[in-house]
């Protein structure tokens, strides 16, 4: 039983790490895309649609990462149930 708990704990940590990595990669990619979009805006190009698309991509990566973090929390709750 103790081996199963350690495996589930390791799995929960791995899933949480993946969730954090997804969010960080999404933020970094969106930051560079934002820089490109704003440079285009300085050249008087219409970038309203690009900004909206960028916001959607950032929101998608944040939500996907949070879903992984929720799975990790569920696994941890299975391992150590409590009222806290």
PDB file of N, CA and C in Angstrom:
ATOM      1  N   UNK A   1       0.824  -1.203   0.000  1.00  0.00           N
ATOM      2  CA  UNK A   1       0.000   0.000   0.000  1.00  0.00           C
ATOM      3  C   UNK A   1       0.863   1.261   0.000  1.00  0.00           C
ATOM      4  N   UNK A   2       1.946   1.200   0.766  1.00  0.00           N
ATOM      5  CA  UNK A   2       2.821   2.377   0.829  1.00  0.00           C
ATOM      6  C   UNK A   2       3.489   2.643  -0.515  1.00  0.00           C
ATOM      7  N   UNK A   3       3.743   1.587  -1.268  1.00  0.00           N
ATOM      8  CA  UNK A   3       4.330   1.757  -2.597  1.00  0.00           C
ATOM      9  C   UNK A   3       3.341   2.429  -3.544  1.00  0.00           C
ATOM     10  N   UNK A   4       2.073   2.079  -3.426  1.00  0.00           N
ATOM     11  CA  UNK A   4       1.040   2.710  -4.246  1.00  0.00           C
ATOM     12  C   UNK A   4       0.922   4.195  -3.928  1.00  0.00           C
ATOM     13  N   UNK A   5       1.010   4.545  -2.636  1.00  0.00           N
ATOM     14  CA  UNK A   5       0.941   5.950  -2.229  1.00  0.00           C
ATOM     15  C   UNK A   5       2.117   6.728  -2.806  1.00  0.00           C
ATOM     16  N   UNK A   6       3.307   6.149  -2.774  1.00  0.00           N
ATOM     17  CA  UNK A   6       4.472   6.862  -3.314  1.00  0.00           C
ATOM     18  C   UNK A   6       4.368   7.014  -4.831  1.00  0.00           C
ATOM     19  N   UNK A   7       3.817   5.998  -5.504  1.00  0.00           N
ATOM     20  CA  UNK A   7       3.639   6.097  -6.963  1.00  0.00           C
ATOM     21  C   UNK A   7       2.611   7.179  -7.299  1.00  0.00           C
ATOM     22  N   UNK A   8       1.493   7.208  -6.559  1.00  0.00           N
ATOM     23  CA  UNK A   8       0.469   8.236  -6.807  1.00  0.00           C
ATOM     24  C   UNK A   8       0.997   9.631  -6.485  1.00  0.00           C
ATOM     25  N   UNK A   9       1.817   9.739  -5.447  1.00  0.00           N
ATOM     26  CA  UNK A   9       2.406  11.032  -5.101  1.00  0.00           C
ATOM     27  C   UNK A   9       3.353  11.500  -6.205  1.00  0.00           C
ATOM     28  N   UNK A  10       4.149  10.575  -6.718  1.00  0.00           N
ATOM     29  CA  UNK A  10       5.049  10.902  -7.823  1.00  0.00           C
ATOM     30  C   UNK A  10       4.257  11.296  -9.063  1.00  0.00           C
ATOM     31  N   UNK A  11       3.182  10.583  -9.325  1.00  0.00           N
ATOM     32  CA  UNK A  11       2.321  10.895 -10.470  1.00  0.00           C
ATOM     33  C   UNK A  11       1.680  12.277 -10.319  1.00  0.00           C
ATOM     34  N   UNK A  12       1.223  12.587  -9.106  1.00  0.00           N
ATOM     35  CA  UNK A  12       0.617  13.901  -8.862  1.00  0.00           C
ATOM     36  C   UNK A  12       1.632  15.013  -9.065  1.00  0.00           C
ATOM     37  N   UNK A  13       2.853  14.802  -8.592  1.00  0.00           N
ATOM     38  CA  UNK A  13       3.896  15.817  -8.800  1.00  0.00           C
ATOM     39  C   UNK A  13       4.226  15.993 -10.279  1.00  0.00           C
ATOM     40  N   UNK A  14       4.251  14.886 -11.018  1.00  0.00           N
ATOM     41  CA  UNK A  14       4.525  14.964 -12.452  1.00  0.00           C
ATOM     42  C   UNK A  14       3.435  15.693 -13.207  1.00  0.00           C
ATOM     43  N   UNK A  15       2.191  15.407 -12.856  1.00  0.00           N
ATOM     44  CA  UNK A  15       1.062  16.073 -13.521  1.00  0.00           C
ATOM     45  C   UNK A  15       1.074  17.567 -13.202  1.00  0.00           C
ATOM     46  N   UNK A  16       1.381  17.916 -11.947  1.00  0.00           N
ATOM     47  CA  UNK A  16       1.460  19.335 -11.570  1.00  0.00           C
ATOM     48  C   UNK A  16       2.588  20.035 -12.319  1.00  0.00           C
ATOM     49  N   UNK A  17       3.701  19.358 -12.486  1.00  0.00           N
ATOM     50  CA  UNK A  17       4.821  19.934 -13.228  1.00  0.00           C
ATOM     51  C   UNK A  17       4.447  20.170 -14.687  1.00  0.00           C
ATOM     52  N   UNK A  18       3.734  19.221 -15.275  1.00  0.00           N
ATOM     53  CA  UNK A  18       3.286  19.380 -16.661  1.00  0.00           C
ATOM     54  C   UNK A  18       2.341  20.572 -16.778  1.00  0.00           C
ATOM     55  N   UNK A  19       1.424  20.710 -15.820  1.00  0.00           N
ATOM     56  CA  UNK A  19       0.498  21.849 -15.841  1.00  0.00           C
ATOM     57  C   UNK A  19       1.215  23.179 -15.748  1.00  0.00           C
ATOM     58  N   UNK A  20       2.196  23.256 -14.860  1.00  0.00           N
ATOM     59  CA  UNK A  20       2.975  24.490 -14.749  1.00  0.00           C
ATOM     60  C   UNK A  20       3.773  24.775 -16.008  1.00  0.00           C
ATOM     61  N   UNK A  21       4.326  23.724 -16.603  1.00  0.00           N
ATOM     62  CA  UNK A  21       5.107  23.902 -17.831  1.00  0.00           C
ATOM     63  C   UNK A  21       4.227  24.379 -18.978  1.00  0.00           C
ATOM     64  N   UNK A  22       3.014  23.838 -19.069  1.00  0.00           N
ATOM     65  CA  UNK A  22       2.096  24.270 -20.129  1.00  0.00           C
ATOM     66  C   UNK A  22       1.793  25.762 -19.984  1.00  0.00           C
ATOM     67  N   UNK A  23       1.536  26.197 -18.769  1.00  0.00           N
ATOM     68  CA  UNK A  23       1.235  27.617 -18.571  1.00  0.00           C
ATOM     69  C   UNK A  23       2.451  28.496 -18.860  1.00  0.00           C
ATOM     70  N   UNK A  24       3.625  28.073 -18.426  1.00  0.00           N
ATOM     71  CA  UNK A  24       4.821  28.882 -18.658  1.00  0.00           C
ATOM     72  C   UNK A  24       5.154  28.979 -20.145  1.00  0.00           C
ATOM     73  N   UNK A  25       5.054  27.864 -20.859  1.00  0.00           N
ATOM     74  CA  UNK A  25       5.327  27.892 -22.305  1.00  0.00           C
ATOM     75  C   UNK A  25       4.306  28.784 -22.996  1.00  0.00           C
ATOM     76  N   UNK A  26       3.040  28.679 -22.589  1.00  0.00           N
ATOM     77  CA  UNK A  26       2.002  29.521 -23.179  1.00  0.00           C
ATOM     78  C   UNK A  26       2.263  30.999 -22.960  1.00  0.00           C
ATOM     79  N   UNK A  27       2.702  31.355 -21.760  1.00  0.00           N
ATOM     80  CA  UNK A  27       2.987  32.761 -21.465  1.00  0.00           C
ATOM     81  C   UNK A  27       4.184  33.255 -22.279  1.00  0.00           C
ATOM     82  N   UNK A  28       5.232  32.447 -22.361  1.00  0.00           N
ATOM     83  CA  UNK A  28       6.431  32.862 -23.111  1.00  0.00           C
ATOM     84  C   UNK A  28       6.108  33.020 -24.596  1.00  0.00           C
ATOM     85  N   UNK A  29       5.391  32.058 -25.167  1.00  0.00           N
ATOM     86  CA  UNK A  29       5.029  32.140 -26.586  1.00  0.00           C
ATOM     87  C   UNK A  29       4.155  33.360 -26.832  1.00  0.00           C
ATOM     88  N   UNK A  30       3.171  33.588 -25.959  1.00  0.00           N
ATOM     89  CA  UNK A  30       2.282  34.740 -26.138  1.00  0.00           C
ATOM     90  C   UNK A  30       3.026  36.058 -25.956  1.00  0.00           C
ATOM     91  N   UNK A  31       4.032  36.073 -25.079  1.00  0.00           N
ATOM     92  CA  UNK A  31       4.817  37.293 -24.907  1.00  0.00           C
ATOM     93  C   UNK A  31       5.542  37.648 -26.200  1.00  0.00           C
ATOM     94  N   UNK A  32       6.161  36.659 -26.846  1.00  0.00           N
ATOM     95  CA  UNK A  32       6.867  36.937 -28.094  1.00  0.00           C
ATOM     96  C   UNK A  32       5.907  37.300 -29.224  1.00  0.00           C
ATOM     97  N   UNK A  33       4.754  36.632 -29.252  1.00  0.00           N
ATOM     98  CA  UNK A  33       3.757  36.995 -30.262  1.00  0.00           C
ATOM     99  C   UNK A  33       3.237  38.409 -30.023  1.00  0.00           C
ATOM    100  N   UNK A  34       3.077  38.769 -28.755  1.00  0.00           N
ATOM    101  CA  UNK A  34       2.623  40.125 -28.427  1.00  0.00           C
ATOM    102  C   UNK A  34       3.633  41.160 -28.904  1.00  0.00           C
ATOM    103  N   UNK A  35       4.905  40.868 -28.726  1.00  0.00           N
ATOM    104  CA  UNK A  35       5.931  41.793 -29.200  1.00  0.00           C
ATOM    105  C   UNK A  35       5.834  41.977 -30.707  1.00  0.00           C
ATOM    106  N   UNK A  36       5.617  40.899 -31.438  1.00  0.00           N
ATOM    107  CA  UNK A  36       5.480  40.997 -32.900  1.00  0.00           C
ATOM    108  C   UNK A  36       4.233  41.790 -33.284  1.00  0.00           C
ATOM    109  N   UNK A  37       3.143  41.549 -32.574  1.00  0.00           N
ATOM    110  CA  UNK A  37       1.895  42.258 -32.873  1.00  0.00           C
ATOM    111  C   UNK A  37       2.050  43.744 -32.589  1.00  0.00           C
ATOM    112  N   UNK A  38       2.687  44.084 -31.489  1.00  0.00           N
ATOM    113  CA  UNK A  38       2.848  45.498 -31.157  1.00  0.00           C
ATOM    114  C   UNK A  38       3.818  46.195 -32.102  1.00  0.00           C
ATOM    115  N   UNK A  39       4.811  45.481 -32.584  1.00  0.00           N
ATOM    116  CA  UNK A  39       5.688  46.070 -33.603  1.00  0.00           C
ATOM    117  C   UNK A  39       4.918  46.346 -34.884  1.00  0.00           C
ATOM    118  N   UNK A  40       4.005  45.446 -35.227  1.00  0.00           N
ATOM    119  CA  UNK A  40       3.164  45.675 -36.399  1.00  0.00           C
ATOM    120  C   UNK A  40       2.238  46.862 -36.172  1.00  0.00           C
ATOM    121  N   UNK A  41       1.766  47.023 -34.933  1.00  0.00           N
ATOM    122  CA  UNK A  41       0.891  48.159 -34.623  1.00  0.00           C
ATOM    123  C   UNK A  41       1.651  49.473 -34.759  1.00  0.00           C
ATOM    124  N   UNK A  42       2.925  49.465 -34.450  1.00  0.00           N
ATOM    125  CA  UNK A  42       3.728  50.682 -34.615  1.00  0.00           C
ATOM    126  C   UNK A  42       3.875  51.059 -36.087  1.00  0.00           C
ATOM    127  N   UNK A  43       3.772  50.057 -36.972  1.00  0.00           N
ATOM    128  CA  UNK A  43       3.850  50.324 -38.411  1.00  0.00           C
ATOM    129  C   UNK A  43       2.485  50.637 -38.996  1.00  0.00           C
ATOM    130  N   UNK A  44       1.520  50.902 -38.107  1.00  0.00           N
ATOM    131  CA  UNK A  44       0.156  51.302 -38.508  1.00  0.00           C
ATOM    132  C   UNK A  44      -0.611  50.175 -39.189  1.00  0.00           C
ATOM    133  N   UNK A  45      -0.340  48.931 -38.798  1.00  0.00           N
ATOM    134  CA  UNK A  45      -1.082  47.777 -39.311  1.00  0.00           C
ATOM    135  C   UNK A  45      -2.240  47.521 -38.353  1.00  0.00           C
ATOM    136  N   UNK A  46      -3.385  47.133 -38.886  1.00  0.00           N
ATOM    137  CA  UNK A  46      -4.541  46.813 -38.052  1.00  0.00           C
ATOM    138  C   UNK A  46      -4.286  45.475 -37.347  1.00  0.00           C
ATOM    139  N   UNK A  47      -4.166  45.512 -36.016  1.00  0.00           N
ATOM    140  CA  UNK A  47      -3.812  44.305 -35.261  1.00  0.00           C
ATOM    141  C   UNK A  47      -4.894  43.907 -34.260  1.00  0.00           C
ATOM    142  N   UNK A  48      -6.073  44.458 -34.403  1.00  0.00           N
ATOM    143  CA  UNK A  48      -7.138  44.173 -33.440  1.00  0.00           C
ATOM    144  C   UNK A  48      -7.477  42.686 -33.404  1.00  0.00           C
ATOM    145  N   UNK A  49      -7.600  42.068 -34.579  1.00  0.00           N
ATOM    146  CA  UNK A  49      -7.903  40.632 -34.636  1.00  0.00           C
ATOM    147  C   UNK A  49      -6.748  39.804 -34.059  1.00  0.00           C
ATOM    148  N   UNK A  50      -5.520  40.224 -34.337  1.00  0.00           N
ATOM    149  CA  UNK A  50      -4.348  39.506 -33.811  1.00  0.00           C
ATOM    150  C   UNK A  50      -4.300  39.570 -32.284  1.00  0.00           C
ATOM    151  N   UNK A  51      -4.634  40.710 -31.725  1.00  0.00           N
ATOM    152  CA  UNK A  51      -4.656  40.828 -30.257  1.00  0.00           C
ATOM    153  C   UNK A  51      -5.723  39.932 -29.644  1.00  0.00           C
ATOM    154  N   UNK A  52      -6.875  39.872 -30.271  1.00  0.00           N
ATOM    155  CA  UNK A  52      -7.947  39.011 -29.774  1.00  0.00           C
ATOM    156  C   UNK A  52      -7.541  37.538 -29.856  1.00  0.00           C
ATOM    157  N   UNK A  53      -6.936  37.154 -30.961  1.00  0.00           N
ATOM    158  CA  UNK A  53      -6.454  35.782 -31.110  1.00  0.00           C
ATOM    159  C   UNK A  53      -5.391  35.466 -30.069  1.00  0.00           C
ATOM    160  N   UNK A  54      -4.524  36.416 -29.816  1.00  0.00           N
ATOM    161  CA  UNK A  54      -3.476  36.241 -28.814  1.00  0.00           C
ATOM    162  C   UNK A  54      -4.066  36.030 -27.421  1.00  0.00           C
ATOM    163  N   UNK A  55      -5.086  36.804 -27.098  1.00  0.00           N
ATOM    164  CA  UNK A  55      -5.754  36.637 -25.798  1.00  0.00           C
ATOM    165  C   UNK A  55      -6.390  35.263 -25.688  1.00  0.00           C
ATOM    166  N   UNK A  56      -6.974  34.771 -26.771  1.00  0.00           N
ATOM    167  CA  UNK A  56      -7.581  33.443 -26.753  1.00  0.00           C
ATOM    168  C   UNK A  56      -6.533  32.355 -26.551  1.00  0.00           C
ATOM    169  N   UNK A  57      -5.391  32.486 -27.213  1.00  0.00           N
ATOM    170  CA  UNK A  57      -4.330  31.494 -27.066  1.00  0.00           C
ATOM    171  C   UNK A  57      -3.766  31.503 -25.644  1.00  0.00           C
ATOM    172  N   UNK A  58      -3.599  32.679 -25.084  1.00  0.00           N
ATOM    173  CA  UNK A  58      -3.101  32.768 -23.709  1.00  0.00           C
ATOM    174  C   UNK A  58      -4.103  32.167 -22.731  1.00  0.00           C
ATOM    175  N   UNK A  59      -5.363  32.489 -22.911  1.00  0.00           N
ATOM    176  CA  UNK A  59      -6.395  31.923 -22.046  1.00  0.00           C
ATOM    177  C   UNK A  59      -6.475  30.415 -22.172  1.00  0.00           C
ATOM    178  N   UNK A  60      -6.315  29.903 -23.382  1.00  0.00           N
ATOM    179  CA  UNK A  60      -6.352  28.461 -23.601  1.00  0.00           C
ATOM    180  C   UNK A  60      -5.208  27.774 -22.878  1.00  0.00           C
ATOM    181  N   UNK A  61      -4.016  28.323 -22.958  1.00  0.00           N
ATOM    182  CA  UNK A  61      -2.871  27.683 -22.301  1.00  0.00           C
ATOM    183  C   UNK A  61      -3.008  27.755 -20.782  1.00  0.00           C
ATOM    184  N   UNK A  62      -3.541  28.843 -20.265  1.00  0.00           N
ATOM    185  CA  UNK A  62      -3.750  28.948 -18.820  1.00  0.00           C
ATOM    186  C   UNK A  62      -4.798  27.931 -18.364  1.00  0.00           C
ATOM    187  N   UNK A  63      -5.891  27.840 -19.084  1.00  0.00           N
ATOM    188  CA  UNK A  63      -6.936  26.888 -18.708  1.00  0.00           C
ATOM    189  C   UNK A  63      -6.455  25.439 -18.811  1.00  0.00           C
ATOM    190  N   UNK A  64      -5.706  25.125 -19.841  1.00  0.00           N
ATOM    191  CA  UNK A  64      -5.192  23.765 -19.983  1.00  0.00           C
ATOM    192  C   UNK A  64      -4.240  23.429 -18.839  1.00  0.00           C
ATOM    193  N   UNK A  65      -3.370  24.365 -18.497  1.00  0.00           N
ATOM    194  CA  UNK A  65      -2.455  24.143 -17.377  1.00  0.00           C
ATOM    195  C   UNK A  65      -3.195  23.985 -16.058  1.00  0.00           C
ATOM    196  N   UNK A  66      -4.233  24.781 -15.853  1.00  0.00           N
ATOM    197  CA  UNK A  66      -5.013  24.673 -14.626  1.00  0.00           C
ATOM    198  C   UNK A  66      -5.754  23.347 -14.539  1.00  0.00           C
ATOM    199  N   UNK A  67      -6.190  22.817 -15.660  1.00  0.00           N
ATOM    200  CA  UNK A  67      -6.837  21.503 -15.647  1.00  0.00           C
ATOM    201  C   UNK A  67      -5.869  20.422 -15.178  1.00  0.00           C
ATOM    202  N   UNK A  68      -4.618  20.509 -15.604  1.00  0.00           N
ATOM    203  CA  UNK A  68      -3.616  19.561 -15.120  1.00  0.00           C
ATOM    204  C   UNK A  68      -3.388  19.737 -13.620  1.00  0.00           C
ATOM    205  N   UNK A  69      -3.361  20.965 -13.144  1.00  0.00           N
ATOM    206  CA  UNK A  69      -3.171  21.208 -11.715  1.00  0.00           C
ATOM    207  C   UNK A  69      -4.344  20.680 -10.897  1.00  0.00           C
ATOM    208  N   UNK A  70      -5.542  20.756 -11.439  1.00  0.00           N
ATOM    209  CA  UNK A  70      -6.710  20.204 -10.752  1.00  0.00           C
ATOM    210  C   UNK A  70      -6.595  18.689 -10.647  1.00  0.00           C
ATOM    211  N   UNK A  71      -6.146  18.044 -11.710  1.00  0.00           N
ATOM    212  CA  UNK A  71      -5.947  16.593 -11.670  1.00  0.00           C
ATOM    213  C   UNK A  71      -4.914  16.230 -10.606  1.00  0.00           C
ATOM    214  N   UNK A  72      -3.851  16.998 -10.521  1.00  0.00           N
ATOM    215  CA  UNK A  72      -2.833  16.745  -9.498  1.00  0.00           C
ATOM    216  C   UNK A  72      -3.420  16.909  -8.100  1.00  0.00           C
ATOM    217  N   UNK A  73      -4.254  17.920  -7.893  1.00  0.00           N
ATOM    218  CA  UNK A  73      -4.894  18.101  -6.587  1.00  0.00           C
ATOM    219  C   UNK A  73      -5.846  16.960  -6.257  1.00  0.00           C
ATOM    220  N   UNK A  74      -6.553  16.474  -7.248  1.00  0.00           N
ATOM    221  CA  UNK A  74      -7.450  15.333  -7.012  1.00  0.00           C
ATOM    222  C   UNK A  74      -6.641  14.105  -6.602  1.00  0.00           C
ATOM    223  N   UNK A  75      -5.523  13.871  -7.280  1.00  0.00           N
ATOM    224  CA  UNK A  75      -4.668  12.742  -6.908  1.00  0.00           C
ATOM    225  C   UNK A  75      -4.139  12.897  -5.487  1.00  0.00           C
ATOM    226  N   UNK A  76      -3.738  14.099  -5.125  1.00  0.00           N
ATOM    227  CA  UNK A  76      -3.243  14.330  -3.760  1.00  0.00           C
ATOM    228  C   UNK A  76      -4.348  14.157  -2.722  1.00  0.00           C
ATOM    229  N   UNK A  77      -5.567  14.524  -3.095  1.00  0.00           N
ATOM    230  CA  UNK A  77      -6.699  14.337  -2.182  1.00  0.00           C
ATOM    231  C   UNK A  77      -6.995  12.857  -1.991  1.00  0.00           C
ATOM    232  N   UNK A  78      -6.832  12.071  -3.026  1.00  0.00           N
ATOM    233  CA  UNK A  78      -7.008  10.620  -2.911  1.00  0.00           C
ATOM    234  C   UNK A  78      -5.954  10.036  -1.968  1.00  0.00           C
ATOM    235  N   UNK A  79      -4.724  10.547  -2.074  1.00  0.00           N
ATOM    236  CA  UNK A  79      -3.632  10.035  -1.261  1.00  0.00           C
ATOM    237  C   UNK A  79      -3.791  10.433   0.206  1.00  0.00           C
ATOM    238  N   UNK A  80      -4.071  11.711   0.443  1.00  0.00           N
ATOM    239  CA  UNK A  80      -4.170  12.250   1.796  1.00  0.00           C
ATOM    240  C   UNK A  80      -5.505  12.953   1.995  1.00  0.00           C
ATOM    241  N   UNK A  81      -6.573  12.209   2.191  1.00  0.00           N
ATOM    242  CA  UNK A  81      -7.878  12.876   2.388  1.00  0.00           C
ATOM    243  C   UNK A  81      -7.895  13.593   3.745  1.00  0.00           C
ATOM    244  N   UNK A  82      -8.591  14.694   3.801  1.00  0.00           N
ATOM    245  CA  UNK A  82      -8.712  15.444   5.049  1.00  0.00           C
ATOM    246  C   UNK A  82      -9.652  16.609   4.874  1.00  0.00           C
ATOM    247  N   UNK A  83      -9.889  17.309   5.959  1.00  0.00           N
ATOM    248  CA  UNK A  83     -10.815  18.438   5.946  1.00  0.00           C
ATOM    249  C   UNK A  83     -10.132  19.743   5.551  1.00  0.00           C
ATOM    250  N   UNK A  84      -8.816  19.772   5.512  1.00  0.00           N
ATOM    251  CA  UNK A  84      -8.119  21.021   5.193  1.00  0.00           C
ATOM    252  C   UNK A  84      -8.256  21.305   3.740  1.00  0.00           C
TER     253      UNK A  84
END
